[in-house]
Protein backbone atom coordinates (compact mmCIF):
# COMPACT_ATOMS: atom_id res chain seq x y z
CA MET A 1 -15.91 76.55 22.14
CA ARG A 2 -16.85 73.02 21.10
CA THR A 3 -18.31 72.30 17.65
CA ILE A 4 -21.03 69.62 17.88
CA LYS A 5 -23.34 67.71 15.55
CA SER A 6 -26.18 67.11 18.04
CA LEU A 7 -27.34 68.70 21.27
CA THR A 8 -27.11 65.19 22.85
CA GLU A 9 -23.33 65.42 22.59
CA ILE A 10 -23.32 67.95 25.40
CA ARG A 11 -24.87 65.53 27.89
CA ASP A 12 -22.83 62.63 26.63
CA GLU A 13 -19.74 64.53 27.57
CA GLY A 14 -21.09 65.02 31.09
CA ASP A 15 -22.06 68.70 30.87
CA GLN A 16 -25.32 69.08 32.71
CA SER A 17 -25.59 72.87 32.46
CA ALA A 18 -28.74 74.65 31.50
CA LEU A 19 -28.71 75.80 27.88
CA TYR A 20 -29.59 79.02 26.14
CA ILE A 21 -29.95 78.46 22.41
CA THR A 22 -29.88 80.85 19.44
CA ILE A 23 -30.33 79.89 15.78
CA GLY A 24 -29.19 81.65 12.59
CA ASN A 25 -26.90 81.62 9.58
CA PHE A 26 -24.50 84.20 11.19
CA ASP A 27 -22.86 84.94 7.90
CA GLY A 28 -20.29 87.64 8.52
CA VAL A 29 -20.94 87.62 12.26
CA HIS A 30 -21.76 91.32 11.96
CA ARG A 31 -22.49 93.86 14.68
CA GLY A 32 -26.12 92.82 14.96
CA HIS A 33 -25.09 89.18 15.57
CA SER A 34 -22.45 90.25 18.11
CA GLU A 35 -24.93 92.48 19.97
CA PHE A 36 -27.61 89.89 20.53
CA ILE A 37 -25.17 87.15 21.31
CA HIS A 38 -23.62 89.38 23.97
CA GLU A 39 -27.15 89.94 25.35
CA ILE A 40 -27.77 86.21 25.62
CA LYS A 41 -24.29 85.48 26.96
CA LYS A 42 -24.87 87.96 29.79
CA VAL A 43 -28.07 86.13 30.90
CA ALA A 44 -26.36 82.74 30.51
CA THR A 45 -23.39 83.82 32.65
CA GLU A 46 -25.63 85.18 35.35
CA THR A 47 -27.44 81.81 35.60
CA CYS A 48 -24.35 79.54 35.08
CA ALA A 49 -25.85 78.33 31.79
CA LYS A 50 -24.11 77.53 28.54
CA LEU A 51 -24.74 79.39 25.23
CA VAL A 52 -25.33 77.25 22.14
CA ALA A 53 -25.43 78.76 18.62
CA ILE A 54 -27.11 76.60 16.00
CA THR A 55 -26.23 77.21 12.33
CA PHE A 56 -26.06 75.41 9.06
CA VAL A 57 -23.40 74.03 6.66
CA PRO A 58 -23.51 74.71 3.87
CA HIS A 59 -25.40 78.05 4.04
CA PRO A 60 -28.98 77.33 2.92
CA ASN A 61 -28.59 79.66 -0.08
CA PHE A 62 -26.24 77.14 -1.74
CA ILE A 63 -29.02 74.49 -1.68
CA ILE A 64 -32.07 76.61 -2.29
CA ARG A 65 -30.70 79.22 -4.66
CA PRO A 66 -27.22 78.09 -5.74
CA SER A 67 -24.88 80.93 -6.64
CA ASP A 68 -21.19 81.89 -6.49
CA TYR A 69 -19.70 84.84 -4.60
CA PHE A 70 -22.11 84.79 -1.67
CA LEU A 71 -20.54 84.13 1.72
CA ILE A 72 -19.03 87.01 3.72
CA ASN A 73 -16.77 84.58 5.63
CA SER A 74 -15.70 81.01 5.20
CA TYR A 75 -17.23 78.49 7.64
CA GLU A 76 -13.91 78.22 9.48
CA GLU A 77 -13.76 82.01 9.88
CA ARG A 78 -17.36 81.96 11.12
CA ARG A 79 -16.37 79.45 13.82
CA THR A 80 -13.52 81.66 14.97
CA LEU A 81 -15.65 84.83 15.06
CA LEU A 82 -18.43 83.03 17.08
CA GLU A 83 -15.93 81.64 19.51
CA ASN A 84 -14.44 85.12 19.99
CA ILE A 85 -17.74 86.56 21.10
CA GLY A 86 -18.47 83.91 23.71
CA ILE A 87 -20.32 80.95 22.19
CA ASP A 88 -19.75 77.77 24.30
CA TYR A 89 -21.12 75.22 21.83
CA LEU A 90 -21.52 75.58 18.04
CA TYR A 91 -24.13 73.15 16.67
CA GLU A 92 -23.60 72.83 12.92
CA ILE A 93 -26.52 71.18 11.15
CA ASP A 94 -25.94 69.57 7.71
CA PHE A 95 -28.20 71.42 5.39
CA ASP A 96 -29.38 69.52 2.28
CA ARG A 97 -32.43 69.31 0.07
CA ASP A 98 -34.25 66.87 2.36
CA PHE A 99 -33.58 69.12 5.39
CA SER A 100 -34.95 72.10 3.55
CA THR A 101 -38.38 70.38 3.21
CA LEU A 102 -38.82 69.81 7.00
CA LEU A 103 -41.96 71.27 8.57
CA PRO A 104 -41.10 73.88 11.24
CA THR A 105 -42.50 71.71 14.09
CA VAL A 106 -40.48 68.70 12.89
CA PHE A 107 -37.36 70.79 12.90
CA LEU A 108 -38.03 71.95 16.44
CA ASP A 109 -38.75 68.50 17.69
CA LYS A 110 -35.93 66.67 15.96
CA PHE A 111 -33.09 69.18 16.30
CA ILE A 112 -33.94 71.62 19.14
CA LEU A 113 -36.37 70.36 21.73
CA VAL A 114 -34.39 67.19 22.42
CA ASP A 115 -32.87 68.43 25.63
CA ARG A 116 -34.82 68.95 28.86
CA ASN A 117 -32.39 71.52 30.22
CA ILE A 118 -33.11 74.23 27.67
CA SER A 119 -33.65 77.44 29.69
CA GLY A 120 -34.52 79.65 26.68
CA LEU A 121 -34.55 79.93 22.93
CA PHE A 122 -33.68 83.18 21.17
CA PHE A 123 -34.54 84.19 17.56
CA GLY A 124 -33.44 87.22 15.68
CA HIS A 125 -36.20 89.62 14.72
CA ASP A 126 -36.23 88.37 11.16
CA PHE A 127 -35.51 84.65 11.60
CA VAL A 128 -37.81 82.22 9.76
CA PHE A 129 -37.35 78.49 9.31
CA GLY A 130 -38.77 75.26 7.96
CA SER A 131 -40.12 74.38 4.56
CA ASN A 132 -40.69 77.47 2.42
CA LYS A 133 -39.80 79.58 5.43
CA SER A 134 -43.18 78.76 6.89
CA GLY A 135 -42.01 78.92 10.53
CA GLY A 136 -42.34 82.30 12.05
CA HIS A 137 -42.16 83.82 15.54
CA ASP A 138 -45.77 83.17 16.59
CA LEU A 139 -45.68 79.48 15.55
CA ALA A 140 -42.32 78.91 17.28
CA ALA A 141 -43.42 80.71 20.48
CA ASP A 142 -46.61 78.78 20.81
CA TYR A 143 -44.97 75.40 20.06
CA CYS A 144 -42.03 75.97 22.39
CA ARG A 145 -44.23 77.26 25.22
CA SER A 146 -46.33 74.08 25.01
CA ARG A 147 -43.09 72.16 25.74
CA GLY A 148 -41.98 74.41 28.60
CA VAL A 149 -39.41 76.53 26.64
CA GLU A 150 -39.77 80.26 26.42
CA LEU A 151 -38.91 81.91 23.10
CA THR A 152 -37.45 85.46 23.07
CA ILE A 153 -37.41 87.60 19.95
CA LEU A 154 -34.40 89.92 19.89
CA GLU A 155 -34.71 93.50 18.72
CA LYS A 156 -33.23 94.56 15.37
CA PHE A 157 -29.87 96.32 15.67
CA LEU A 158 -29.43 99.66 13.95
CA VAL A 159 -26.27 101.59 12.95
CA LYS A 160 -26.97 105.20 12.11
CA GLY A 161 -30.61 104.36 11.61
CA GLU A 162 -30.00 101.45 9.24
CA ARG A 163 -30.84 97.83 10.11
CA VAL A 164 -27.75 95.61 10.09
CA SER A 165 -28.08 92.45 8.08
CA SER A 166 -25.87 90.00 6.17
CA SER A 167 -27.71 90.87 2.97
CA LEU A 168 -26.95 94.60 3.41
CA VAL A 169 -23.26 93.84 4.07
CA ARG A 170 -23.03 91.69 0.90
CA ASP A 171 -24.63 94.39 -1.20
CA LEU A 172 -22.14 97.01 0.09
CA ILE A 173 -19.20 94.75 -0.64
CA ARG A 174 -20.48 94.06 -4.15
CA ALA A 175 -20.88 97.79 -4.64
CA GLY A 176 -17.34 98.43 -3.53
CA ASP A 177 -18.41 100.36 -0.45
CA VAL A 178 -16.08 98.39 1.82
CA LYS A 179 -15.71 101.29 4.26
CA LYS A 180 -19.47 101.34 5.01
CA ALA A 181 -19.55 97.54 5.12
CA ALA A 182 -16.84 97.65 7.79
CA GLY A 183 -19.09 99.89 9.89
CA PHE A 184 -21.75 97.20 9.93
CA LEU A 185 -19.29 94.28 10.40
CA GLY A 186 -17.33 95.96 13.18
CA ARG A 187 -14.11 95.15 11.32
CA ASN A 188 -12.70 95.46 7.80
CA TYR A 189 -13.92 92.99 5.22
CA HIS A 190 -11.15 90.54 4.24
CA ILE A 191 -10.41 87.78 1.74
CA SER A 192 -7.85 85.08 2.42
CA GLY A 193 -6.17 82.66 -0.03
CA THR A 194 -2.97 81.21 -1.25
CA VAL A 195 -0.69 83.20 -3.57
CA ILE A 196 -0.59 81.81 -7.10
CA ARG A 197 1.39 82.75 -10.21
CA GLY A 198 -0.33 85.26 -12.45
CA MET A 199 0.95 86.80 -15.69
CA GLY A 200 4.01 88.31 -13.96
CA ARG A 201 3.13 91.72 -15.35
CA GLY A 202 3.29 93.57 -12.03
CA ARG A 203 6.96 92.69 -11.69
CA GLU A 204 7.58 93.93 -15.25
CA LEU A 205 5.95 97.24 -14.34
CA GLY A 206 8.00 97.62 -11.13
CA TYR A 207 5.15 96.78 -8.76
CA SER A 208 5.10 93.04 -7.93
CA THR A 209 1.73 91.73 -6.94
CA ALA A 210 0.48 88.71 -4.98
CA ASN A 211 -2.36 87.04 -6.99
CA ILE A 212 -4.83 85.37 -4.60
CA ASN A 213 -6.48 82.08 -5.32
CA TYR A 214 -9.70 82.96 -3.59
CA SER A 215 -12.74 80.81 -2.97
CA LYS A 216 -15.63 81.30 -5.44
CA ASP A 217 -18.03 80.91 -2.50
CA ILE A 218 -16.91 84.29 -1.06
CA VAL A 219 -18.45 87.62 -2.06
CA ILE A 220 -15.86 89.89 -3.67
CA PRO A 221 -15.82 93.70 -3.99
CA SER A 222 -16.73 95.29 -7.38
CA ASN A 223 -13.92 95.83 -9.83
CA GLY A 224 -11.59 98.58 -8.84
CA VAL A 225 -8.48 99.53 -6.90
CA TYR A 226 -8.57 99.53 -3.07
CA CYS A 227 -6.50 100.72 -0.19
CA THR A 228 -5.88 97.53 1.79
CA GLN A 229 -3.86 95.89 4.49
CA THR A 230 -2.33 92.50 3.86
CA THR A 231 -1.40 90.07 6.58
CA TYR A 232 1.33 87.48 5.99
CA LYS A 233 2.63 85.26 8.72
CA GLY A 234 1.22 87.42 11.44
CA ILE A 235 2.68 90.70 10.10
CA THR A 236 0.40 93.30 8.46
CA TYR A 237 1.62 95.45 5.53
CA SER A 238 0.02 98.42 3.85
CA SER A 239 -1.05 97.49 0.35
CA ILE A 240 -3.11 98.38 -2.72
CA THR A 241 -5.29 95.73 -4.32
CA ASN A 242 -6.76 95.53 -7.78
CA VAL A 243 -9.97 93.54 -8.29
CA GLY A 244 -10.87 93.00 -11.89
CA LEU A 245 -10.01 91.88 -15.43
CA ASN A 246 -6.92 93.97 -16.23
CA PRO A 247 -8.60 95.68 -19.16
CA THR A 248 -5.40 97.40 -20.27
CA PHE A 249 -4.01 94.02 -21.37
CA ASN A 250 -7.36 92.18 -21.80
CA ASP A 251 -5.84 88.74 -21.40
CA ILE A 252 -7.85 87.17 -18.58
CA THR A 253 -11.48 86.06 -18.38
CA GLU A 254 -11.96 85.56 -14.66
CA VAL A 255 -11.80 88.30 -11.98
CA SER A 256 -8.37 88.48 -10.35
CA ILE A 257 -7.49 89.82 -6.97
CA GLU A 258 -3.89 91.15 -7.00
CA THR A 259 -2.17 92.86 -4.14
CA HIS A 260 0.90 95.01 -4.09
CA LEU A 261 2.40 95.02 -0.60
CA LEU A 262 4.25 98.27 0.21
CA ASP A 263 7.89 98.06 1.32
CA PHE A 264 7.89 94.28 0.79
CA ASN A 265 10.01 92.23 -1.59
CA ARG A 266 9.70 88.50 -1.00
CA ASP A 267 8.66 85.47 -3.02
CA ILE A 268 5.53 84.17 -1.31
CA TYR A 269 4.08 81.85 -3.99
CA GLY A 270 2.11 79.05 -2.29
CA GLU A 271 1.79 80.98 0.97
CA THR A 272 -1.47 82.13 2.59
CA ILE A 273 -2.28 85.83 2.91
CA SER A 274 -5.30 87.79 4.16
CA VAL A 275 -6.25 91.07 2.46
CA SER A 276 -8.45 93.52 4.43
CA PHE A 277 -10.22 96.16 2.34
CA ILE A 278 -10.02 99.69 3.87
CA HIS A 279 -11.57 101.93 1.22
CA ARG A 280 -12.01 102.14 -2.53
CA ILE A 281 -9.50 104.35 -4.41
CA ARG A 282 -10.86 104.25 -7.95
CA ASP A 283 -12.59 102.28 -10.66
CA GLU A 284 -10.60 99.80 -12.74
CA ARG A 285 -10.01 101.25 -16.21
CA LYS A 286 -8.16 100.69 -19.42
CA PHE A 287 -4.99 102.76 -20.01
CA ASN A 288 -3.57 103.75 -23.33
CA SER A 289 0.04 102.73 -22.51
CA ARG A 290 2.20 101.03 -19.96
CA ALA A 291 3.70 104.37 -18.98
CA GLU A 292 0.19 105.75 -18.26
CA LEU A 293 -0.62 102.71 -16.20
CA VAL A 294 2.64 102.92 -14.17
CA ALA A 295 1.97 106.57 -13.47
CA GLN A 296 -1.48 105.69 -12.12
CA ILE A 297 -0.16 102.89 -9.97
CA LYS A 298 2.40 105.26 -8.51
CA ALA A 299 -0.40 107.73 -7.64
CA ASP A 300 -2.43 104.88 -6.11
CA VAL A 301 0.49 103.84 -3.93
CA LYS A 302 0.87 107.45 -2.77
CA ARG A 303 -2.82 107.56 -1.74
CA ALA A 304 -2.45 104.22 0.09
CA LYS A 305 0.39 105.68 2.15
CA LEU A 306 -1.61 108.67 3.36
């Protein structure tokens, strides 16, 4: 997969293939995204065409409604996921305040309909675009058809009767229902980051933890203890992970993500790890003593080993 900043780059590199294009935010690259990209890829392969995914950096939400803890994946992780499901070219458009005010037809003319070899344009069933989301399916279909490009609207994808969407996945993660979120993502939700020094209390209690310096752009599960798997240097270890404010000691003000790797005893400060959330074990709560906390951690570890 090649990441590009304009469709004209494809021709400049000598690739004269016909193009199938789809547009979206693709946050999380969930099962719905994968399903319709596979559909388009099948058609593209049959006609020896190339598949182009168009997306935005940063996610429009950060410009229109700025907020922390939003993305399901980092932009680099999104690139990897899209490459893995068969995208040939990833066109990343810089999204800023000026871009957000473009009329739908201006967006189509300036960024999409600049290539004469476009064989088809594909929108998700709920995709809208342009200033104030004023560009819908009917407008896009009529405008593209007048320029010789057929627009196809892809059907919504359901899992057990529920429509898959990035918003739904975010809500499930925020609620701590990481197991159900995995069913929609097609994989376990994970958070990656470097290991930083915390209060050192886990070691004092006999259960050393890796404290993750996570990005504030990424959505995090609700406070609680989770059964997880932690990957370090290509090796995956069973683990338990606490997300929260350590109410027993009440000495931090920002949510921490601390992971205890089972059967692991190495100093990994400054190293990168990835924590995949399997299921929620319990709520985070305040304990009356260290002994009570240690007993609960021991029980959590036992559940994680099952």
